[in-house]
Amino acid sequence: RTRVRRRRRRRCGGVPTHEEGVRRRRSDVAQQVVGVAFCALGQTLNLATYAAIGKDGVYYGCRYGVEVPWCTRFPFTASRHPQYLGAALTAWGLCVLAATDEAARRGWFGLAVVQSAYYAYMARVEARW
């Protein structure tokens, strides 16, 4: 009789071993479409904000004496804070794109929730200025 020794692979730091693999969701195509759509919409809002009010407007130039005209065209017709909305949508899109079943069970989307909460808080703070 020959004895075959099998090496046991252990989980290291919660990362799945090769045998366990990282199982992707069954709806990979839908996941990719939603993730890319969120990222594209978010980056469209970010780029449109830069185009509408320029670098000085985006980086609070008005607080430092730079004249920044009030903007009433897109993307400010879509949202009062389009750059924050765009950043939050991009964060959600990246989380959707990178999510696995295991990561989702472990709270992966909490990252996007925290980032969205941060952007919502900053929008409220900005509205008071």
C-alpha atoms as a PDB file:
ATOM      1  CA  ARG A   1       0.000   0.000   0.000  1.00  0.00           C
ATOM      2  CA  THR A   2       1.157   3.468  -0.832  1.00  0.00           C
ATOM      3  CA  ARG A   3       0.208   6.338   1.295  1.00  0.00           C
ATOM      4  CA  VAL A   4      -0.452   9.568  -0.418  1.00  0.00           C
ATOM      5  CA  ARG A   5       0.210  12.581   1.674  1.00  0.00           C
ATOM      6  CA  ARG A   6      -2.043  15.484   1.034  1.00  0.00           C
ATOM      7  CA  ARG A   7      -0.912  18.881   2.011  1.00  0.00           C
ATOM      8  CA  ARG A   8      -3.501  20.863   3.819  1.00  0.00           C
ATOM      9  CA  ARG A   9      -3.847  24.398   2.779  1.00  0.00           C
ATOM     10  CA  ARG A  10      -4.738  26.756   5.531  1.00  0.00           C
ATOM     11  CA  ARG A  11      -6.497  30.032   5.397  1.00  0.00           C
ATOM     12  CA  CYS A  12      -4.121  32.837   6.004  1.00  0.00           C
ATOM     13  CA  GLY A  13      -5.596  36.043   7.391  1.00  0.00           C
ATOM     14  CA  GLY A  14      -9.092  35.298   6.127  1.00  0.00           C
ATOM     15  CA  VAL A  15      -7.977  35.093   2.491  1.00  0.00           C
ATOM     16  CA  PRO A  16      -9.418  32.062   0.683  1.00  0.00           C
ATOM     17  CA  THR A  17      -6.909  29.428  -0.411  1.00  0.00           C
ATOM     18  CA  HIS A  18      -6.512  28.329  -4.010  1.00  0.00           C
ATOM     19  CA  GLU A  19      -8.795  25.317  -3.515  1.00  0.00           C
ATOM     20  CA  GLU A  20     -11.566  27.422  -2.067  1.00  0.00           C
ATOM     21  CA  GLY A  21     -11.162  30.019  -4.752  1.00  0.00           C
ATOM     22  CA  VAL A  22     -12.865  33.337  -4.764  1.00  0.00           C
ATOM     23  CA  ARG A  23     -16.344  32.690  -6.011  1.00  0.00           C
ATOM     24  CA  ARG A  24     -17.722  35.397  -8.224  1.00  0.00           C
ATOM     25  CA  ARG A  25     -21.392  36.152  -8.363  1.00  0.00           C
ATOM     26  CA  ARG A  26     -23.381  34.319 -10.959  1.00  0.00           C
ATOM     27  CA  SER A  27     -24.432  37.567 -12.538  1.00  0.00           C
ATOM     28  CA  ASP A  28     -20.918  38.734 -13.469  1.00  0.00           C
ATOM     29  CA  VAL A  29     -22.120  40.533 -16.575  1.00  0.00           C
ATOM     30  CA  ALA A  30     -24.860  42.409 -14.718  1.00  0.00           C
ATOM     31  CA  GLN A  31     -22.402  43.240 -11.943  1.00  0.00           C
ATOM     32  CA  GLN A  32     -19.924  44.668 -14.426  1.00  0.00           C
ATOM     33  CA  VAL A  33     -22.572  46.660 -16.287  1.00  0.00           C
ATOM     34  CA  VAL A  34     -23.901  48.218 -13.064  1.00  0.00           C
ATOM     35  CA  GLY A  35     -20.408  48.930 -11.736  1.00  0.00           C
ATOM     36  CA  VAL A  36     -19.217  50.536 -14.967  1.00  0.00           C
ATOM     37  CA  ALA A  37     -22.451  52.540 -15.277  1.00  0.00           C
ATOM     38  CA  PHE A  38     -22.084  53.935 -11.738  1.00  0.00           C
ATOM     39  CA  CYS A  39     -18.423  54.795 -12.345  1.00  0.00           C
ATOM     40  CA  ALA A  40     -19.176  56.398 -15.718  1.00  0.00           C
ATOM     41  CA  LEU A  41     -22.036  58.482 -14.323  1.00  0.00           C
ATOM     42  CA  GLY A  42     -19.956  59.512 -11.317  1.00  0.00           C
ATOM     43  CA  GLN A  43     -16.976  60.539 -13.412  1.00  0.00           C
ATOM     44  CA  THR A  44     -19.242  62.372 -15.853  1.00  0.00           C
ATOM     45  CA  LEU A  45     -20.550  64.461 -12.948  1.00  0.00           C
ATOM     46  CA  ASN A  46     -17.008  65.090 -11.675  1.00  0.00           C
ATOM     47  CA  LEU A  47     -15.667  66.153 -15.068  1.00  0.00           C
ATOM     48  CA  ALA A  48     -18.719  68.300 -15.743  1.00  0.00           C
ATOM     49  CA  THR A  49     -18.201  70.046 -12.399  1.00  0.00           C
ATOM     50  CA  TYR A  50     -14.625  70.902 -13.351  1.00  0.00           C
ATOM     51  CA  ALA A  51     -15.803  72.127 -16.751  1.00  0.00           C
ATOM     52  CA  ALA A  52     -18.584  74.255 -15.243  1.00  0.00           C
ATOM     53  CA  ILE A  53     -16.768  76.016 -12.387  1.00  0.00           C
ATOM     54  CA  GLY A  54     -13.106  75.309 -13.015  1.00  0.00           C
ATOM     55  CA  LYS A  55     -10.367  74.350 -10.626  1.00  0.00           C
ATOM     56  CA  ASP A  56     -10.844  77.434  -8.462  1.00  0.00           C
ATOM     57  CA  GLY A  57     -14.511  76.631  -7.984  1.00  0.00           C
ATOM     58  CA  VAL A  58     -13.887  72.982  -7.184  1.00  0.00           C
ATOM     59  CA  TYR A  59     -11.135  73.737  -4.663  1.00  0.00           C
ATOM     60  CA  TYR A  60     -12.973  76.517  -2.763  1.00  0.00           C
ATOM     61  CA  GLY A  61     -11.265  79.419  -4.506  1.00  0.00           C
ATOM     62  CA  CYS A  62     -14.168  81.647  -3.456  1.00  0.00           C
ATOM     63  CA  ARG A  63     -13.108  81.125   0.166  1.00  0.00           C
ATOM     64  CA  TYR A  64      -9.667  82.514  -0.698  1.00  0.00           C
ATOM     65  CA  GLY A  65     -10.754  85.591  -2.600  1.00  0.00           C
ATOM     66  CA  VAL A  66     -10.888  84.140  -6.122  1.00  0.00           C
ATOM     67  CA  GLU A  67     -13.946  85.234  -8.096  1.00  0.00           C
ATOM     68  CA  VAL A  68     -15.982  82.132  -8.979  1.00  0.00           C
ATOM     69  CA  PRO A  69     -19.217  82.853 -10.889  1.00  0.00           C
ATOM     70  CA  TRP A  70     -22.408  81.140  -9.729  1.00  0.00           C
ATOM     71  CA  CYS A  71     -23.269  78.261 -12.054  1.00  0.00           C
ATOM     72  CA  THR A  72     -26.837  77.270 -12.922  1.00  0.00           C
ATOM     73  CA  ARG A  73     -26.171  74.888 -15.834  1.00  0.00           C
ATOM     74  CA  PHE A  74     -25.331  71.177 -15.931  1.00  0.00           C
ATOM     75  CA  PRO A  75     -24.238  69.433 -13.708  1.00  0.00           C
ATOM     76  CA  PHE A  76     -25.737  71.771 -11.128  1.00  0.00           C
ATOM     77  CA  THR A  77     -29.158  71.197 -12.690  1.00  0.00           C
ATOM     78  CA  ALA A  78     -28.841  67.497 -11.809  1.00  0.00           C
ATOM     79  CA  SER A  79     -27.710  67.955  -8.214  1.00  0.00           C
ATOM     80  CA  ARG A  80     -26.833  70.724  -5.811  1.00  0.00           C
ATOM     81  CA  HIS A  81     -23.515  68.975  -5.107  1.00  0.00           C
ATOM     82  CA  PRO A  82     -22.645  67.104  -8.311  1.00  0.00           C
ATOM     83  CA  GLN A  83     -19.022  66.457  -7.410  1.00  0.00           C
ATOM     84  CA  TYR A  84     -19.937  64.776  -4.121  1.00  0.00           C
ATOM     85  CA  LEU A  85     -22.646  62.776  -5.856  1.00  0.00           C
ATOM     86  CA  GLY A  86     -20.182  61.816  -8.587  1.00  0.00           C
ATOM     87  CA  ALA A  87     -17.565  60.712  -6.065  1.00  0.00           C
ATOM     88  CA  ALA A  88     -20.134  58.640  -4.158  1.00  0.00           C
ATOM     89  CA  LEU A  89     -21.397  57.003  -7.374  1.00  0.00           C
ATOM     90  CA  THR A  90     -17.821  56.188  -8.363  1.00  0.00           C
ATOM     91  CA  ALA A  91     -17.187  54.627  -4.939  1.00  0.00           C
ATOM     92  CA  TRP A  92     -20.329  52.497  -5.276  1.00  0.00           C
ATOM     93  CA  GLY A  93     -19.366  51.507  -8.821  1.00  0.00           C
ATOM     94  CA  LEU A  94     -15.896  50.400  -7.761  1.00  0.00           C
ATOM     95  CA  CYS A  95     -17.329  48.427  -4.844  1.00  0.00           C
ATOM     96  CA  VAL A  96     -19.789  46.690  -7.162  1.00  0.00           C
ATOM     97  CA  LEU A  97     -17.036  45.896  -9.676  1.00  0.00           C
ATOM     98  CA  ALA A  98     -14.667  44.480  -7.059  1.00  0.00           C
ATOM     99  CA  ALA A  99     -17.253  42.656  -4.948  1.00  0.00           C
ATOM    100  CA  THR A 100     -17.220  38.919  -4.507  1.00  0.00           C
ATOM    101  CA  ASP A 101     -19.759  36.852  -2.592  1.00  0.00           C
ATOM    102  CA  GLU A 102     -17.326  36.444   0.285  1.00  0.00           C
ATOM    103  CA  ALA A 103     -16.451  40.132   0.389  1.00  0.00           C
ATOM    104  CA  ALA A 104     -20.145  41.086   0.341  1.00  0.00           C
ATOM    105  CA  ARG A 105     -20.819  38.747   3.288  1.00  0.00           C
ATOM    106  CA  ARG A 106     -17.955  40.358   5.193  1.00  0.00           C
ATOM    107  CA  GLY A 107     -19.319  43.870   4.723  1.00  0.00           C
ATOM    108  CA  TRP A 108     -17.468  45.086   1.635  1.00  0.00           C
ATOM    109  CA  PHE A 109     -20.206  47.563   0.804  1.00  0.00           C
ATOM    110  CA  GLY A 110     -19.716  49.236   4.166  1.00  0.00           C
ATOM    111  CA  LEU A 111     -16.854  51.091   2.510  1.00  0.00           C
ATOM    112  CA  ALA A 112     -19.198  52.754   0.022  1.00  0.00           C
ATOM    113  CA  VAL A 113     -21.721  53.475   2.774  1.00  0.00           C
ATOM    114  CA  VAL A 114     -19.072  55.268   4.859  1.00  0.00           C
ATOM    115  CA  GLN A 115     -17.828  57.245   1.856  1.00  0.00           C
ATOM    116  CA  SER A 116     -21.387  58.220   0.906  1.00  0.00           C
ATOM    117  CA  ALA A 117     -22.057  59.346   4.478  1.00  0.00           C
ATOM    118  CA  TYR A 118     -18.896  61.446   4.401  1.00  0.00           C
ATOM    119  CA  TYR A 119     -19.930  63.139   1.140  1.00  0.00           C
ATOM    120  CA  ALA A 120     -23.462  63.763   2.454  1.00  0.00           C
ATOM    121  CA  TYR A 121     -22.000  65.337   5.602  1.00  0.00           C
ATOM    122  CA  MET A 122     -19.670  67.569   3.572  1.00  0.00           C
ATOM    123  CA  ALA A 123     -22.573  68.656   1.349  1.00  0.00           C
ATOM    124  CA  ARG A 124     -24.496  69.754   4.475  1.00  0.00           C
ATOM    125  CA  VAL A 125     -21.463  71.595   5.817  1.00  0.00           C
ATOM    126  CA  GLU A 126     -20.964  73.324   2.473  1.00  0.00           C
ATOM    127  CA  ALA A 127     -24.612  74.354   2.305  1.00  0.00           C
ATOM    128  CA  ARG A 128     -24.177  76.295   5.568  1.00  0.00           C
ATOM    129  CA  TRP A 129     -21.259  78.372   4.247  1.00  0.00           C
END
